[in-house]
Amino acid sequence: MKEFYAHSVAGKPKSEWQGLEVHLLNVAELAKKFGDEFGSGEWGWLAGQTLQNRIW
């Protein structure tokens, strides 16, 4: 399976790059945290997961 990266650093090995799947999970968690402020954390998390599922 082809691997995709969200963040890479020139001169650093791929093992130090952030994979796209990890990045999208982090985005979903952050969206949940922000959504929790107004009672919509689950919707924020779901939106992040939906994006991940559309890419994969």
PDB file of N, CA and C in Angstrom:
ATOM      1  N   MET A   1       0.845  -1.180   0.000  1.00  0.00           N
ATOM      2  CA  MET A   1       0.000   0.000   0.000  1.00  0.00           C
ATOM      3  C   MET A   1       0.890   1.242   0.000  1.00  0.00           C
ATOM      4  N   LYS A   2       0.502   2.221  -0.775  1.00  0.00           N
ATOM      5  CA  LYS A   2       1.266   3.459  -0.851  1.00  0.00           C
ATOM      6  C   LYS A   2       1.104   4.253   0.436  1.00  0.00           C
ATOM      7  N   GLU A   3       2.177   4.841   0.882  1.00  0.00           N
ATOM      8  CA  GLU A   3       2.138   5.626   2.118  1.00  0.00           C
ATOM      9  C   GLU A   3       2.082   7.114   1.774  1.00  0.00           C
ATOM     10  N   PHE A   4       1.228   7.829   2.514  1.00  0.00           N
ATOM     11  CA  PHE A   4       1.079   9.270   2.309  1.00  0.00           C
ATOM     12  C   PHE A   4       1.525   9.995   3.568  1.00  0.00           C
ATOM     13  N   TYR A   5       2.048  11.200   3.378  1.00  0.00           N
ATOM     14  CA  TYR A   5       2.569  11.975   4.495  1.00  0.00           C
ATOM     15  C   TYR A   5       1.892  13.333   4.568  1.00  0.00           C
ATOM     16  N   ALA A   6       1.617  13.769   5.793  1.00  0.00           N
ATOM     17  CA  ALA A   6       1.034  15.085   6.006  1.00  0.00           C
ATOM     18  C   ALA A   6       2.124  16.132   6.150  1.00  0.00           C
ATOM     19  N   HIS A   7       3.185  15.762   6.827  1.00  0.00           N
ATOM     20  CA  HIS A   7       4.297  16.686   7.059  1.00  0.00           C
ATOM     21  C   HIS A   7       5.604  15.952   6.841  1.00  0.00           C
ATOM     22  N   SER A   8       6.505  16.583   6.123  1.00  0.00           N
ATOM     23  CA  SER A   8       7.832  16.025   5.910  1.00  0.00           C
ATOM     24  C   SER A   8       8.864  17.124   6.139  1.00  0.00           C
ATOM     25  N   VAL A   9      10.058  16.699   6.460  1.00  0.00           N
ATOM     26  CA  VAL A   9      11.139  17.654   6.725  1.00  0.00           C
ATOM     27  C   VAL A   9      12.316  17.296   5.829  1.00  0.00           C
ATOM     28  N   ALA A  10      12.742  18.257   5.036  1.00  0.00           N
ATOM     29  CA  ALA A  10      13.875  18.018   4.143  1.00  0.00           C
ATOM     30  C   ALA A  10      15.100  17.595   4.956  1.00  0.00           C
ATOM     31  N   GLY A  11      15.769  16.561   4.492  1.00  0.00           N
ATOM     32  CA  GLY A  11      16.973  16.100   5.154  1.00  0.00           C
ATOM     33  C   GLY A  11      16.722  15.119   6.298  1.00  0.00           C
ATOM     34  N   LYS A  12      15.464  14.901   6.651  1.00  0.00           N
ATOM     35  CA  LYS A  12      15.126  13.962   7.726  1.00  0.00           C
ATOM     36  C   LYS A  12      14.630  12.654   7.100  1.00  0.00           C
ATOM     37  N   PRO A  13      14.877  11.532   7.773  1.00  0.00           N
ATOM     38  CA  PRO A  13      14.394  10.254   7.236  1.00  0.00           C
ATOM     39  C   PRO A  13      12.866  10.168   7.318  1.00  0.00           C
ATOM     40  N   LYS A  14      12.287   9.344   6.451  1.00  0.00           N
ATOM     41  CA  LYS A  14      10.829   9.197   6.435  1.00  0.00           C
ATOM     42  C   LYS A  14      10.281   8.740   7.776  1.00  0.00           C
ATOM     43  N   SER A  15      11.087   8.067   8.556  1.00  0.00           N
ATOM     44  CA  SER A  15      10.625   7.598   9.863  1.00  0.00           C
ATOM     45  C   SER A  15      10.293   8.762  10.802  1.00  0.00           C
ATOM     46  N   GLU A  16      10.775   9.954  10.494  1.00  0.00           N
ATOM     47  CA  GLU A  16      10.501  11.135  11.317  1.00  0.00           C
ATOM     48  C   GLU A  16       9.392  12.010  10.715  1.00  0.00           C
ATOM     49  N   TRP A  17       8.894  11.642   9.547  1.00  0.00           N
ATOM     50  CA  TRP A  17       7.814  12.389   8.925  1.00  0.00           C
ATOM     51  C   TRP A  17       6.493  11.985   9.552  1.00  0.00           C
ATOM     52  N   GLN A  18       5.510  12.866   9.509  1.00  0.00           N
ATOM     53  CA  GLN A  18       4.198  12.541  10.059  1.00  0.00           C
ATOM     54  C   GLN A  18       3.328  11.934   8.967  1.00  0.00           C
ATOM     55  N   GLY A  19       2.874  10.714   9.207  1.00  0.00           N
ATOM     56  CA  GLY A  19       1.992  10.048   8.264  1.00  0.00           C
ATOM     57  C   GLY A  19       0.635  10.725   8.210  1.00  0.00           C
ATOM     58  N   LEU A  20      -0.014  10.622   7.068  1.00  0.00           N
ATOM     59  CA  LEU A  20      -1.304  11.276   6.894  1.00  0.00           C
ATOM     60  C   LEU A  20      -2.358  10.701   7.831  1.00  0.00           C
ATOM     61  N   GLU A  21      -2.363   9.389   8.031  1.00  0.00           N
ATOM     62  CA  GLU A  21      -3.367   8.789   8.909  1.00  0.00           C
ATOM     63  C   GLU A  21      -3.244   9.322  10.340  1.00  0.00           C
ATOM     64  N   VAL A  22      -2.031   9.412  10.853  1.00  0.00           N
ATOM     65  CA  VAL A  22      -1.801   9.945  12.197  1.00  0.00           C
ATOM     66  C   VAL A  22      -2.235  11.410  12.256  1.00  0.00           C
ATOM     67  N   HIS A  23      -1.895  12.155  11.232  1.00  0.00           N
ATOM     68  CA  HIS A  23      -2.255  13.574  11.174  1.00  0.00           C
ATOM     69  C   HIS A  23      -3.773  13.754  11.243  1.00  0.00           C
ATOM     70  N   LEU A  24      -4.500  12.970  10.458  1.00  0.00           N
ATOM     71  CA  LEU A  24      -5.955  13.117  10.432  1.00  0.00           C
ATOM     72  C   LEU A  24      -6.593  12.698  11.750  1.00  0.00           C
ATOM     73  N   LEU A  25      -6.041  11.695  12.410  1.00  0.00           N
ATOM     74  CA  LEU A  25      -6.544  11.328  13.739  1.00  0.00           C
ATOM     75  C   LEU A  25      -6.310  12.464  14.728  1.00  0.00           C
ATOM     76  N   ASN A  26      -5.154  13.111  14.631  1.00  0.00           N
ATOM     77  CA  ASN A  26      -4.862  14.254  15.504  1.00  0.00           C
ATOM     78  C   ASN A  26      -5.821  15.411  15.228  1.00  0.00           C
ATOM     79  N   VAL A  27      -6.126  15.641  13.950  1.00  0.00           N
ATOM     80  CA  VAL A  27      -7.068  16.703  13.585  1.00  0.00           C
ATOM     81  C   VAL A  27      -8.446  16.399  14.165  1.00  0.00           C
ATOM     82  N   ALA A  28      -8.872  15.135  14.078  1.00  0.00           N
ATOM     83  CA  ALA A  28     -10.183  14.750  14.621  1.00  0.00           C
ATOM     84  C   ALA A  28     -10.226  14.988  16.130  1.00  0.00           C
ATOM     85  N   GLU A  29      -9.172  14.637  16.825  1.00  0.00           N
ATOM     86  CA  GLU A  29      -9.131  14.845  18.273  1.00  0.00           C
ATOM     87  C   GLU A  29      -9.155  16.333  18.622  1.00  0.00           C
ATOM     88  N   LEU A  30      -8.432  17.130  17.850  1.00  0.00           N
ATOM     89  CA  LEU A  30      -8.417  18.569  18.096  1.00  0.00           C
ATOM     90  C   LEU A  30      -9.789  19.183  17.801  1.00  0.00           C
ATOM     91  N   ALA A  31     -10.432  18.737  16.727  1.00  0.00           N
ATOM     92  CA  ALA A  31     -11.770  19.233  16.406  1.00  0.00           C
ATOM     93  C   ALA A  31     -12.757  18.867  17.515  1.00  0.00           C
ATOM     94  N   LYS A  32     -12.607  17.677  18.086  1.00  0.00           N
ATOM     95  CA  LYS A  32     -13.459  17.268  19.203  1.00  0.00           C
ATOM     96  C   LYS A  32     -13.252  18.188  20.398  1.00  0.00           C
ATOM     97  N   LYS A  33     -11.996  18.484  20.671  1.00  0.00           N
ATOM     98  CA  LYS A  33     -11.684  19.361  21.813  1.00  0.00           C
ATOM     99  C   LYS A  33     -12.335  20.732  21.633  1.00  0.00           C
ATOM    100  N   PHE A  34     -12.217  21.299  20.440  1.00  0.00           N
ATOM    101  CA  PHE A  34     -12.829  22.602  20.183  1.00  0.00           C
ATOM    102  C   PHE A  34     -14.348  22.503  20.232  1.00  0.00           C
ATOM    103  N   GLY A  35     -14.902  21.444  19.662  1.00  0.00           N
ATOM    104  CA  GLY A  35     -16.351  21.255  19.656  1.00  0.00           C
ATOM    105  C   GLY A  35     -16.925  21.043  21.042  1.00  0.00           C
ATOM    106  N   ASP A  36     -16.136  20.444  21.939  1.00  0.00           N
ATOM    107  CA  ASP A  36     -16.586  20.230  23.316  1.00  0.00           C
ATOM    108  C   ASP A  36     -16.938  21.547  23.997  1.00  0.00           C
ATOM    109  N   GLU A  37     -16.324  22.635  23.569  1.00  0.00           N
ATOM    110  CA  GLU A  37     -16.577  23.948  24.164  1.00  0.00           C
ATOM    111  C   GLU A  37     -18.029  24.386  24.007  1.00  0.00           C
ATOM    112  N   PHE A  38     -18.697  23.880  22.958  1.00  0.00           N
ATOM    113  CA  PHE A  38     -20.095  24.251  22.768  1.00  0.00           C
ATOM    114  C   PHE A  38     -20.991  23.026  22.571  1.00  0.00           C
ATOM    115  N   GLY A  39     -20.563  21.910  23.161  1.00  0.00           N
ATOM    116  CA  GLY A  39     -21.396  20.721  23.180  1.00  0.00           C
ATOM    117  C   GLY A  39     -21.468  19.935  21.889  1.00  0.00           C
ATOM    118  N   SER A  40     -20.484  20.127  21.001  1.00  0.00           N
ATOM    119  CA  SER A  40     -20.507  19.431  19.717  1.00  0.00           C
ATOM    120  C   SER A  40     -19.215  18.689  19.432  1.00  0.00           C
ATOM    121  N   GLY A  41     -18.571  18.219  20.486  1.00  0.00           N
ATOM    122  CA  GLY A  41     -17.299  17.527  20.321  1.00  0.00           C
ATOM    123  C   GLY A  41     -17.384  16.290  19.460  1.00  0.00           C
ATOM    124  N   GLU A  42     -18.449  15.516  19.630  1.00  0.00           N
ATOM    125  CA  GLU A  42     -18.594  14.295  18.833  1.00  0.00           C
ATOM    126  C   GLU A  42     -18.739  14.616  17.345  1.00  0.00           C
ATOM    127  N   TRP A  43     -19.431  15.718  17.037  1.00  0.00           N
ATOM    128  CA  TRP A  43     -19.560  16.120  15.633  1.00  0.00           C
ATOM    129  C   TRP A  43     -18.201  16.517  15.057  1.00  0.00           C
ATOM    130  N   GLY A  44     -17.394  17.202  15.848  1.00  0.00           N
ATOM    131  CA  GLY A  44     -16.057  17.573  15.391  1.00  0.00           C
ATOM    132  C   GLY A  44     -15.209  16.347  15.112  1.00  0.00           C
ATOM    133  N   TRP A  45     -15.258  15.387  16.025  1.00  0.00           N
ATOM    134  CA  TRP A  45     -14.473  14.161  15.849  1.00  0.00           C
ATOM    135  C   TRP A  45     -14.956  13.400  14.621  1.00  0.00           C
ATOM    136  N   LEU A  46     -16.263  13.323  14.456  1.00  0.00           N
ATOM    137  CA  LEU A  46     -16.837  12.622  13.320  1.00  0.00           C
ATOM    138  C   LEU A  46     -16.420  13.273  12.001  1.00  0.00           C
ATOM    139  N   ALA A  47     -16.393  14.589  11.977  1.00  0.00           N
ATOM    140  CA  ALA A  47     -15.972  15.290  10.759  1.00  0.00           C
ATOM    141  C   ALA A  47     -14.539  14.927  10.402  1.00  0.00           C
ATOM    142  N   GLY A  48     -13.659  14.860  11.387  1.00  0.00           N
ATOM    143  CA  GLY A  48     -12.278  14.470  11.132  1.00  0.00           C
ATOM    144  C   GLY A  48     -12.177  13.042  10.634  1.00  0.00           C
ATOM    145  N   GLN A  49     -12.964  12.149  11.206  1.00  0.00           N
ATOM    146  CA  GLN A  49     -12.952  10.753  10.788  1.00  0.00           C
ATOM    147  C   GLN A  49     -13.535  10.594   9.388  1.00  0.00           C
ATOM    148  N   THR A  50     -14.545  11.387   9.066  1.00  0.00           N
ATOM    149  CA  THR A  50     -15.147  11.314   7.750  1.00  0.00           C
ATOM    150  C   THR A  50     -14.118  11.709   6.684  1.00  0.00           C
ATOM    151  N   LEU A  51     -13.363  12.735   6.963  1.00  0.00           N
ATOM    152  CA  LEU A  51     -12.309  13.139   6.027  1.00  0.00           C
ATOM    153  C   LEU A  51     -11.307  12.016   5.859  1.00  0.00           C
ATOM    154  N   GLN A  52     -10.908  11.397   6.954  1.00  0.00           N
ATOM    155  CA  GLN A  52      -9.944  10.304   6.876  1.00  0.00           C
ATOM    156  C   GLN A  52     -10.502   9.165   6.017  1.00  0.00           C
ATOM    157  N   ASN A  53     -11.737   8.813   6.230  1.00  0.00           N
ATOM    158  CA  ASN A  53     -12.335   7.699   5.489  1.00  0.00           C
ATOM    159  C   ASN A  53     -12.493   8.015   4.005  1.00  0.00           C
ATOM    160  N   ARG A  54     -12.649   9.257   3.662  1.00  0.00           N
ATOM    161  CA  ARG A  54     -12.772   9.624   2.236  1.00  0.00           C
ATOM    162  C   ARG A  54     -11.421   9.545   1.547  1.00  0.00           C
ATOM    163  N   ILE A  55     -10.346   9.780   2.268  1.00  0.00           N
ATOM    164  CA  ILE A  55      -9.007   9.727   1.667  1.00  0.00           C
ATOM    165  C   ILE A  55      -8.566   8.284   1.481  1.00  0.00           C
ATOM    166  N   TRP A  56      -8.847   7.444   2.469  1.00  0.00           N
ATOM    167  CA  TRP A  56      -8.393   6.052   2.396  1.00  0.00           C
ATOM    168  C   TRP A  56      -9.381   5.271   1.607  1.00  0.00           C
TER     169      TRP A  56
END
